[in-house]
């Protein structure tokens, strides 16, 4: 039986109405919602439909008929292919409005939570060069631009070092210049790519799980310190040493040079041995009067300049008077714990990554803080009723979980511990709203403050204060 070929659907002269979820724009055609990436409210476009469902459609801009008066020229040459910074054509005030609306939609319109008036979002001082950490992927199968002839490319010309392309897990866009992280980020990446091609170092093939160079991380600080972590799929000491020596010689400003041999299926290094090759074991970031050690596995907010603003909100919402026991869940390197410690009697920090907890203890010692205790392990295993009984009943719980939110067992323990106040910091208002629905059985939401940490994307941080009923 032959399968009927799907007929292409193209809508002409579609007027884009507003910004929608996940950074897409929204229009209506024949009474049906149409989601369009990389469009700006006010654009008039021809759209080719890629997905058609009963209640909505998705498509892409086939032709720009008339650009919106709001539309800006994207500042990055990779715009439209790279999966990041999708809101470059959208003026920053409009980005903030869309993020503010996103918080309202997730908490109120979709989540049906009762919240006070949401505070105006706090903007980022920097809209470019604001990230302190980037990950780049090596690939034997880079994204081929429409103007290139795939058949004429050599194996080396098919290699790329950059970011994954949206919707294609095995495609990597070769990046020439990224506007997210200050130098020497771009220079290091381009040097390693050039060296690898000149010395016949194989790039990773994610489908076949083969190749030598897998991925790399660059971390920077406001003070100019640089950490580079190069990840190899398998060990080849001669080639590895030659590459790392070349990088160290070319970039003497690298403070900390690590390597990892990661032969497992995924790119995460949280469970891998990070081996210091040259330089210091860590870099350090200052936040106010505090100093934080950052190792290769440490979690630290990626927008250093906004971190002080974010934590100031969390501290305000905690309403500490100096006598409280505070639990800081998902503490990372203990940043929030130490930031609020001067207003608490004792702070308990819990984090999954053991190395981060080690750094947290060192940070507390360096900062002269003696009222913080840190524990490593899976949150749902560590945070139990017995743990609370042993280490003290929390008056305030501050939590800053991963995008997926908290495990139901963690929510249960928090409710059983019955702190007077909860401060929930989240990078995902959708999972936050789901978790808040559980917590609001015993708590009411007293304040909501969005903070923009990720300009030119639809991502943000949102802080919610809760008070026990």
Protein backbone atom coordinates (compact mmCIF):
# COMPACT_ATOMS: atom_id res chain seq x y z
CA UNK A 1 0.00 0.00 0.00
CA UNK A 2 1.48 3.37 -0.95
CA UNK A 3 1.43 6.24 1.51
CA UNK A 4 -0.26 9.41 0.28
CA UNK A 5 2.19 12.27 -0.02
CA UNK A 6 1.38 15.10 2.34
CA UNK A 7 0.45 18.25 0.51
CA UNK A 8 2.39 21.36 1.50
CA UNK A 9 0.27 23.99 3.22
CA UNK A 10 1.31 27.61 2.82
CA UNK A 11 -0.56 30.59 4.28
CA UNK A 12 0.15 33.97 2.75
CA UNK A 13 0.10 37.41 4.35
CA UNK A 14 -0.21 36.16 7.90
CA UNK A 15 -0.02 38.92 10.51
CA UNK A 16 1.92 37.91 13.62
CA UNK A 17 -0.03 38.93 16.72
CA UNK A 18 2.02 38.26 19.82
CA UNK A 19 4.84 36.34 21.49
CA UNK A 20 3.89 32.83 22.64
CA UNK A 21 5.46 30.12 24.79
CA UNK A 22 8.95 28.72 24.16
CA UNK A 23 10.02 31.84 22.28
CA UNK A 24 7.67 31.34 19.35
CA UNK A 25 5.31 33.93 17.92
CA UNK A 26 1.57 33.47 17.52
CA UNK A 27 -0.95 34.15 14.78
CA UNK A 28 -4.45 32.94 13.88
CA UNK A 29 -5.37 31.43 10.52
CA UNK A 30 -8.90 30.24 9.77
CA UNK A 31 -9.64 30.39 13.49
CA UNK A 32 -6.72 28.09 14.36
CA UNK A 33 -3.64 29.09 16.37
CA UNK A 34 -0.43 29.10 14.32
CA UNK A 35 2.96 29.09 16.10
CA UNK A 36 5.89 30.61 14.19
CA UNK A 37 9.52 30.75 15.41
CA UNK A 38 11.78 33.76 14.76
CA UNK A 39 8.83 36.08 14.06
CA UNK A 40 8.00 39.41 15.71
CA UNK A 41 4.56 40.84 16.52
CA UNK A 42 3.53 43.00 13.58
CA UNK A 43 5.39 40.98 10.93
CA UNK A 44 3.38 40.06 7.84
CA UNK A 45 4.73 36.76 6.54
CA UNK A 46 4.08 33.78 4.32
CA UNK A 47 4.18 30.64 6.47
CA UNK A 48 4.79 27.03 5.50
CA UNK A 49 3.05 24.63 7.89
CA UNK A 50 5.18 21.84 9.34
CA UNK A 51 2.68 20.42 11.84
CA UNK A 52 -1.11 20.49 11.68
CA UNK A 53 -3.23 19.41 14.64
CA UNK A 54 -6.88 19.88 15.44
CA UNK A 55 -6.37 22.89 17.71
CA UNK A 56 -3.11 24.36 16.47
CA UNK A 57 -0.49 24.43 13.74
CA UNK A 58 3.24 25.05 13.59
CA UNK A 59 5.22 26.48 10.71
CA UNK A 60 8.14 28.63 9.66
CA UNK A 61 8.53 31.91 7.80
CA UNK A 62 8.74 31.16 4.10
CA UNK A 63 8.85 34.81 3.05
CA UNK A 64 8.92 38.12 4.90
CA UNK A 65 6.19 40.17 3.22
CA UNK A 66 6.44 43.20 5.48
CA UNK A 67 8.62 43.40 8.60
CA UNK A 68 7.17 44.72 11.83
CA UNK A 69 8.00 48.25 12.90
CA UNK A 70 9.38 46.64 16.06
CA UNK A 71 11.71 44.23 14.30
CA UNK A 72 15.45 44.66 14.92
CA UNK A 73 18.28 43.38 12.78
CA UNK A 74 19.75 40.27 14.50
CA UNK A 75 23.28 40.96 15.75
CA UNK A 76 24.49 37.36 15.32
CA UNK A 77 25.37 35.84 11.95
CA UNK A 78 24.10 32.45 13.19
CA UNK A 79 20.60 33.71 13.96
CA UNK A 80 17.83 31.50 12.59
CA UNK A 81 19.86 28.28 12.65
CA UNK A 82 21.43 28.31 16.10
CA UNK A 83 18.93 27.25 18.73
CA UNK A 84 19.89 30.07 21.12
CA UNK A 85 19.07 33.79 21.29
CA UNK A 86 15.84 33.41 19.29
CA UNK A 87 14.53 36.80 20.40
CA UNK A 88 17.28 38.92 18.82
CA UNK A 89 14.81 40.71 16.48
CA UNK A 90 12.56 41.53 19.47
CA UNK A 91 13.32 44.77 21.35
CA UNK A 92 14.41 44.07 24.91
CA UNK A 93 11.40 45.79 26.54
CA UNK A 94 9.11 43.51 24.52
CA UNK A 95 11.14 40.49 25.64
CA UNK A 96 10.57 41.52 29.26
CA UNK A 97 6.84 41.96 28.66
CA UNK A 98 6.64 38.46 27.17
CA UNK A 99 8.49 36.94 30.12
CA UNK A 100 6.25 38.77 32.58
CA UNK A 101 3.22 37.36 30.77
CA UNK A 102 4.78 33.88 30.76
CA UNK A 103 4.95 33.90 34.56
CA UNK A 104 1.33 35.04 34.81
CA UNK A 105 0.18 32.41 32.31
CA UNK A 106 1.95 29.51 34.03
CA UNK A 107 0.99 30.44 37.59
CA UNK A 108 -2.48 31.93 37.10
CA UNK A 109 -4.04 31.22 33.71
CA UNK A 110 -2.79 27.61 33.42
CA UNK A 111 -1.87 26.79 37.02
CA UNK A 112 -4.99 28.42 38.53
CA UNK A 113 -2.96 29.55 41.53
CA UNK A 114 -4.02 32.45 43.70
CA UNK A 115 -1.20 35.01 43.60
CA UNK A 116 -0.83 38.68 44.52
CA UNK A 117 0.01 41.15 41.77
CA UNK A 118 3.22 39.93 40.13
CA UNK A 119 6.07 42.38 40.53
CA UNK A 120 7.59 43.88 37.36
CA UNK A 121 10.42 41.71 36.02
CA UNK A 122 13.95 42.80 36.94
CA UNK A 123 15.91 43.37 33.69
CA UNK A 124 19.48 42.27 33.03
CA UNK A 125 22.14 44.97 32.96
CA UNK A 126 23.87 43.12 30.11
CA UNK A 127 22.04 41.67 27.11
CA UNK A 128 25.17 40.22 25.46
CA UNK A 129 28.38 38.70 26.88
CA UNK A 130 26.48 37.88 30.06
CA UNK A 131 27.10 34.13 30.39
CA UNK A 132 29.93 32.75 32.51
CA UNK A 133 29.64 29.19 31.18
CA UNK A 134 29.18 27.67 27.72
CA UNK A 135 29.33 24.11 26.41
CA UNK A 136 30.41 23.35 22.84
CA UNK A 137 30.07 20.03 21.03
CA UNK A 138 32.40 18.43 18.47
CA UNK A 139 30.63 16.72 15.58
CA UNK A 140 31.53 14.83 12.42
CA UNK A 141 28.10 15.82 11.09
CA UNK A 142 27.83 19.57 11.29
CA UNK A 143 24.86 21.50 10.01
CA UNK A 144 25.22 22.09 6.25
CA UNK A 145 24.03 25.54 5.17
CA UNK A 146 21.59 25.81 2.28
CA UNK A 147 24.23 27.47 0.07
CA UNK A 148 26.69 24.57 0.44
CA UNK A 149 26.95 21.49 -1.75
CA UNK A 150 27.10 18.49 0.63
CA UNK A 151 28.56 16.22 -2.05
CA UNK A 152 31.58 18.47 -2.54
CA UNK A 153 32.57 18.61 1.14
CA UNK A 154 35.50 16.62 2.49
CA UNK A 155 35.27 14.74 5.79
CA UNK A 156 37.15 17.57 7.51
CA UNK A 157 34.83 20.18 6.03
CA UNK A 158 31.88 18.29 7.49
CA UNK A 159 33.25 18.66 11.02
CA UNK A 160 31.99 21.34 13.36
CA UNK A 161 32.42 22.68 16.87
CA UNK A 162 29.52 24.60 18.32
CA UNK A 163 25.92 24.25 19.46
CA UNK A 164 23.28 21.63 18.70
CA UNK A 165 20.70 22.68 16.13
CA UNK A 166 17.11 22.59 17.36
CA UNK A 167 15.11 19.48 16.38
CA UNK A 168 18.24 17.62 15.19
CA UNK A 169 20.03 15.83 18.03
CA UNK A 170 22.92 14.78 15.80
CA UNK A 171 23.53 18.11 14.06
CA UNK A 172 25.92 20.75 15.40
CA UNK A 173 26.18 24.28 14.05
CA UNK A 174 29.80 25.30 13.58
CA UNK A 175 30.09 28.60 15.44
CA UNK A 176 32.37 31.36 14.22
CA UNK A 177 31.49 33.98 16.85
CA UNK A 178 29.16 33.74 19.84
CA UNK A 179 27.94 36.90 21.58
CA UNK A 180 27.07 35.16 24.85
CA UNK A 181 30.46 34.91 26.58
CA UNK A 182 33.38 37.31 26.71
CA UNK A 183 36.77 36.51 25.29
CA UNK A 184 38.85 34.44 25.21
CA UNK A 185 35.87 32.10 24.76
CA UNK A 186 35.60 32.43 20.98
CA UNK A 187 39.37 32.47 20.50
CA UNK A 188 39.86 29.25 22.50
CA UNK A 189 37.11 27.42 20.63
CA UNK A 190 38.40 28.46 17.19
CA UNK A 191 41.99 27.56 18.13
CA UNK A 192 41.00 24.06 19.26
CA UNK A 193 38.90 23.50 16.13
CA UNK A 194 41.77 24.59 13.86
CA UNK A 195 44.34 22.52 15.77
CA UNK A 196 42.11 19.42 15.69
CA UNK A 197 41.59 19.61 11.93
CA UNK A 198 45.27 20.28 11.21
CA UNK A 199 46.37 17.34 13.38
CA UNK A 200 43.70 14.87 12.21
CA UNK A 201 41.96 14.59 15.57
CA UNK A 202 38.57 12.97 14.95
CA UNK A 203 35.37 14.72 16.01
CA UNK A 204 32.57 12.86 17.80
CA UNK A 205 29.89 10.93 15.92
CA UNK A 206 26.85 10.87 18.17
CA UNK A 207 25.06 8.18 16.13
CA UNK A 208 27.95 5.74 16.02
CA UNK A 209 29.53 6.82 19.34
CA UNK A 210 32.96 7.15 17.85
CA UNK A 211 35.62 9.82 17.54
CA UNK A 212 38.18 11.39 19.86
CA UNK A 213 36.98 14.92 20.72
CA UNK A 214 33.55 14.99 22.35
CA UNK A 215 32.70 18.36 23.94
CA UNK A 216 34.24 21.22 25.89
CA UNK A 217 33.23 23.71 28.57
CA UNK A 218 34.49 27.25 29.06
CA UNK A 219 33.86 29.05 32.35
CA UNK A 220 34.81 32.68 32.98
CA UNK A 221 34.57 35.12 35.88
CA UNK A 222 34.07 38.86 36.08
CA UNK A 223 37.64 39.12 37.36
CA UNK A 224 38.99 37.53 34.15
CA UNK A 225 39.73 34.00 35.33
CA UNK A 226 39.16 31.21 32.78
CA UNK A 227 38.48 27.49 33.19
CA UNK A 228 38.61 25.13 30.21
CA UNK A 229 37.40 21.52 30.37
CA UNK A 230 38.09 19.38 27.30
CA UNK A 231 36.17 16.09 27.10
CA UNK A 232 37.49 13.14 25.10
CA UNK A 233 35.48 10.04 24.15
CA UNK A 234 38.43 7.74 24.69
CA UNK A 235 41.99 8.05 25.91
CA UNK A 236 44.90 8.67 23.58
CA UNK A 237 47.56 10.14 25.83
CA UNK A 238 49.89 11.30 23.04
CA UNK A 239 47.20 13.24 21.17
CA UNK A 240 45.56 14.50 24.36
CA UNK A 241 48.79 15.87 25.83
CA UNK A 242 49.78 17.52 22.56
CA UNK A 243 46.41 19.29 22.27
CA UNK A 244 46.30 20.45 25.89
CA UNK A 245 49.90 21.69 25.75
CA UNK A 246 49.14 23.63 22.59
CA UNK A 247 46.09 25.25 24.18
CA UNK A 248 47.98 26.11 27.37
CA UNK A 249 50.81 27.70 25.37
CA UNK A 250 48.45 29.70 23.14
CA UNK A 251 46.32 30.91 26.05
CA UNK A 252 48.45 31.51 29.15
CA UNK A 253 45.49 33.40 30.66
CA UNK A 254 43.70 30.07 31.23
CA UNK A 255 43.58 29.78 35.01
CA UNK A 256 42.41 26.19 35.22
CA UNK A 257 42.78 23.51 32.51
CA UNK A 258 40.97 20.19 32.98
CA UNK A 259 40.26 17.15 30.86
CA UNK A 260 37.71 14.34 31.06
CA UNK A 261 37.58 10.94 29.35
CA UNK A 262 33.86 10.24 28.97
CA UNK A 263 32.88 7.03 27.18
CA UNK A 264 29.32 6.79 28.46
CA UNK A 265 26.24 7.48 26.29
CA UNK A 266 25.55 11.07 27.44
CA UNK A 267 27.68 14.22 27.64
CA UNK A 268 27.14 14.97 31.33
CA UNK A 269 30.34 15.09 33.37
CA UNK A 270 28.67 15.17 36.81
CA UNK A 271 29.59 11.52 37.35
CA UNK A 272 32.99 11.66 35.63
CA UNK A 273 36.52 12.26 36.92
CA UNK A 274 37.67 15.76 36.01
CA UNK A 275 41.47 15.68 35.91
CA UNK A 276 43.43 18.89 36.45
CA UNK A 277 46.05 19.16 33.72
CA UNK A 278 47.52 22.61 34.40
CA UNK A 279 46.86 25.61 36.56
CA UNK A 280 44.68 26.12 39.63
CA UNK A 281 42.06 23.63 40.71
CA UNK A 282 39.31 26.28 40.66
CA UNK A 283 38.33 29.77 39.64
CA UNK A 284 36.64 32.26 41.96
CA UNK A 285 33.66 34.56 41.56
CA UNK A 286 32.92 37.48 43.85
CA UNK A 287 29.38 38.43 44.84
CA UNK A 288 29.30 41.44 47.10
CA UNK A 289 31.56 40.70 50.05
CA UNK A 290 31.44 36.94 49.40
CA UNK A 291 33.87 34.85 47.37
CA UNK A 292 32.88 31.54 45.77
CA UNK A 293 35.06 28.70 44.56
CA UNK A 294 33.93 27.25 41.23
CA UNK A 295 35.21 23.84 40.19
CA UNK A 296 34.56 21.95 36.94
CA UNK A 297 31.31 20.45 38.27
CA UNK A 298 30.12 23.38 40.37
CA UNK A 299 26.74 24.95 39.77
CA UNK A 300 26.81 28.72 39.67
CA UNK A 301 24.19 30.98 38.11
CA UNK A 302 25.27 31.58 34.50
CA UNK A 303 24.60 35.33 34.58
CA UNK A 304 26.97 36.55 37.29
CA UNK A 305 25.78 40.15 37.11
CA UNK A 306 22.17 39.18 37.81
CA UNK A 307 22.94 36.69 40.55
CA UNK A 308 23.19 39.36 43.25
CA UNK A 309 19.76 40.70 42.24
CA UNK A 310 18.22 37.22 42.24
CA UNK A 311 19.60 36.28 45.65
CA UNK A 312 18.67 39.67 47.11
CA UNK A 313 15.06 38.91 46.20
CA UNK A 314 15.30 35.44 47.75
CA UNK A 315 16.76 36.93 50.93
CA UNK A 316 14.01 39.56 51.10
CA UNK A 317 11.30 36.92 50.65
CA UNK A 318 12.86 34.78 53.42
CA UNK A 319 12.18 37.63 55.92
CA UNK A 320 14.95 36.50 58.26
CA UNK A 321 15.38 38.04 61.68
CA UNK A 322 18.55 36.27 62.83
CA UNK A 323 17.09 33.40 64.85
CA UNK A 324 15.85 31.12 62.08
CA UNK A 325 17.02 27.70 60.92
CA UNK A 326 17.12 27.80 57.11
CA UNK A 327 17.23 24.85 54.73
CA UNK A 328 18.79 25.68 51.34
CA UNK A 329 17.81 22.84 49.01
CA UNK A 330 19.79 22.27 45.78
CA UNK A 331 22.43 24.54 47.27
CA UNK A 332 25.10 24.04 44.57
CA UNK A 333 28.31 25.57 45.92
CA UNK A 334 26.37 27.08 48.81
CA UNK A 335 25.81 30.48 47.23
CA UNK A 336 22.29 31.18 48.53
CA UNK A 337 23.07 29.51 51.87
CA UNK A 338 26.01 31.82 52.52
CA UNK A 339 24.25 34.87 51.09
CA UNK A 340 21.49 34.57 53.72
CA UNK A 341 23.65 33.20 56.56
CA UNK A 342 24.25 36.61 58.15
CA UNK A 343 20.53 36.84 58.90
CA UNK A 344 20.03 33.25 60.14
CA UNK A 345 20.96 31.22 63.20
CA UNK A 346 21.87 28.14 61.12
CA UNK A 347 21.70 27.18 57.45
CA UNK A 348 21.55 23.61 56.15
CA UNK A 349 22.54 23.16 52.49
CA UNK A 350 21.79 20.00 50.50
CA UNK A 351 23.10 19.23 47.00
CA UNK A 352 23.40 16.18 44.72
CA UNK A 353 27.00 16.76 43.49
CA UNK A 354 29.60 15.85 46.19
CA UNK A 355 32.28 18.08 44.64
CA UNK A 356 29.94 21.06 44.85
CA UNK A 357 29.36 20.38 48.54
CA UNK A 358 33.11 20.21 49.11
CA UNK A 359 33.42 23.62 47.44
CA UNK A 360 30.53 24.92 49.55
CA UNK A 361 32.39 24.02 52.73
CA UNK A 362 35.55 25.67 51.43
CA UNK A 363 33.59 28.77 50.41
CA UNK A 364 32.08 29.05 53.88
CA UNK A 365 35.54 28.81 55.45
CA UNK A 366 37.02 31.40 53.07
CA UNK A 367 34.13 33.75 53.78
CA UNK A 368 34.43 33.31 57.55
CA UNK A 369 30.98 31.74 57.84
CA UNK A 370 30.57 29.18 60.62
CA UNK A 371 26.80 28.69 60.77
CA UNK A 372 26.38 26.65 57.56
CA UNK A 373 26.36 22.86 57.26
CA UNK A 374 26.36 21.07 53.91
CA UNK A 375 25.24 17.57 52.90
CA UNK A 376 25.65 15.68 49.60
CA UNK A 377 23.19 13.21 48.10
CA UNK A 378 19.99 12.78 46.17
CA UNK A 379 17.49 15.25 47.60
CA UNK A 380 14.67 12.73 48.00
CA UNK A 381 17.05 10.37 49.86
CA UNK A 382 18.76 12.95 52.08
CA UNK A 383 15.80 15.16 52.96
CA UNK A 384 13.72 12.82 55.11
CA UNK A 385 11.68 13.26 58.25
CA UNK A 386 14.55 11.68 60.18
CA UNK A 387 17.01 14.22 58.73
CA UNK A 388 14.79 17.08 59.85
CA UNK A 389 14.48 15.60 63.33
CA UNK A 390 18.26 15.24 63.58
CA UNK A 391 19.34 18.61 62.16
CA UNK A 392 16.55 20.84 63.32
CA UNK A 393 13.15 21.96 62.21
CA UNK A 394 13.43 24.56 59.43
CA UNK A 395 11.79 27.92 59.98
CA UNK A 396 12.45 28.80 56.33
CA UNK A 397 13.04 26.57 53.30
CA UNK A 398 14.71 28.04 50.22
CA UNK A 399 14.81 25.83 47.16
CA UNK A 400 16.34 26.35 43.72
CA UNK A 401 15.84 23.03 41.88
CA UNK A 402 16.71 22.01 38.30
CA UNK A 403 14.24 22.76 35.47
CA UNK A 404 12.28 19.57 36.17
CA UNK A 405 11.30 20.87 39.61
CA UNK A 406 11.14 18.86 42.82
CA UNK A 407 10.38 15.20 43.44
CA UNK A 408 6.98 14.54 45.09
CA UNK A 409 8.82 12.96 48.04
CA UNK A 410 10.70 16.23 48.59
CA UNK A 411 7.44 18.20 48.54
CA UNK A 412 6.01 15.77 51.07
CA UNK A 413 8.94 16.22 53.47
CA UNK A 414 8.73 20.01 53.15
CA UNK A 415 5.03 19.89 54.00
CA UNK A 416 5.70 17.56 56.94
CA UNK A 417 8.47 19.85 58.21
CA UNK A 418 5.97 22.73 58.07
CA UNK A 419 8.37 25.71 57.88
CA UNK A 420 6.83 29.12 58.46
CA UNK A 421 7.99 30.34 55.06
CA UNK A 422 9.14 28.88 51.74
CA UNK A 423 11.07 30.69 49.01
CA UNK A 424 10.95 28.88 45.66
CA UNK A 425 13.49 30.00 43.04
CA UNK A 426 12.89 28.45 39.62
CA UNK A 427 14.17 28.67 36.04
CA UNK A 428 10.98 26.99 34.80
CA UNK A 429 7.64 28.60 35.79
CA UNK A 430 5.76 25.59 34.39
CA UNK A 431 7.30 23.02 36.75
CA UNK A 432 7.28 25.65 39.48
CA UNK A 433 3.51 26.07 39.09
CA UNK A 434 3.04 22.29 39.32
CA UNK A 435 5.05 22.12 42.54
CA UNK A 436 3.34 25.21 44.00
CA UNK A 437 -0.03 23.52 43.56
CA UNK A 438 1.17 20.82 45.98
CA UNK A 439 2.72 23.26 48.46
CA UNK A 440 -0.34 25.50 48.41
CA UNK A 441 -2.32 22.82 50.24
CA UNK A 442 -0.78 24.29 53.39
CA UNK A 443 0.67 27.58 52.12
CA UNK A 444 -0.42 30.77 50.43
CA UNK A 445 1.64 32.71 47.89
CA UNK A 446 2.54 36.16 49.21
CA UNK A 447 4.89 37.52 46.53
CA UNK A 448 6.11 36.76 43.00
CA UNK A 449 9.22 38.34 41.44
CA UNK A 450 10.49 37.41 37.94
CA UNK A 451 14.17 38.10 37.19
CA UNK A 452 15.62 38.09 33.67
CA UNK A 453 18.85 36.10 33.65
CA UNK A 454 18.82 35.09 29.97
CA UNK A 455 18.29 37.99 27.49
CA UNK A 456 17.25 37.13 23.91
CA UNK A 457 15.73 33.85 25.08
CA UNK A 458 12.34 32.98 26.58
CA UNK A 459 14.03 31.68 29.75
CA UNK A 460 13.96 33.49 33.08
CA UNK A 461 14.16 32.96 36.84
CA UNK A 462 11.11 33.38 39.02
CA UNK A 463 11.04 33.75 42.81
CA UNK A 464 7.90 32.94 44.79
CA UNK A 465 7.36 33.54 48.51
CA UNK A 466 4.97 31.32 50.47
CA UNK A 467 3.63 31.64 54.00
CA UNK A 468 2.11 28.87 56.07
CA UNK A 469 -1.65 29.25 56.42
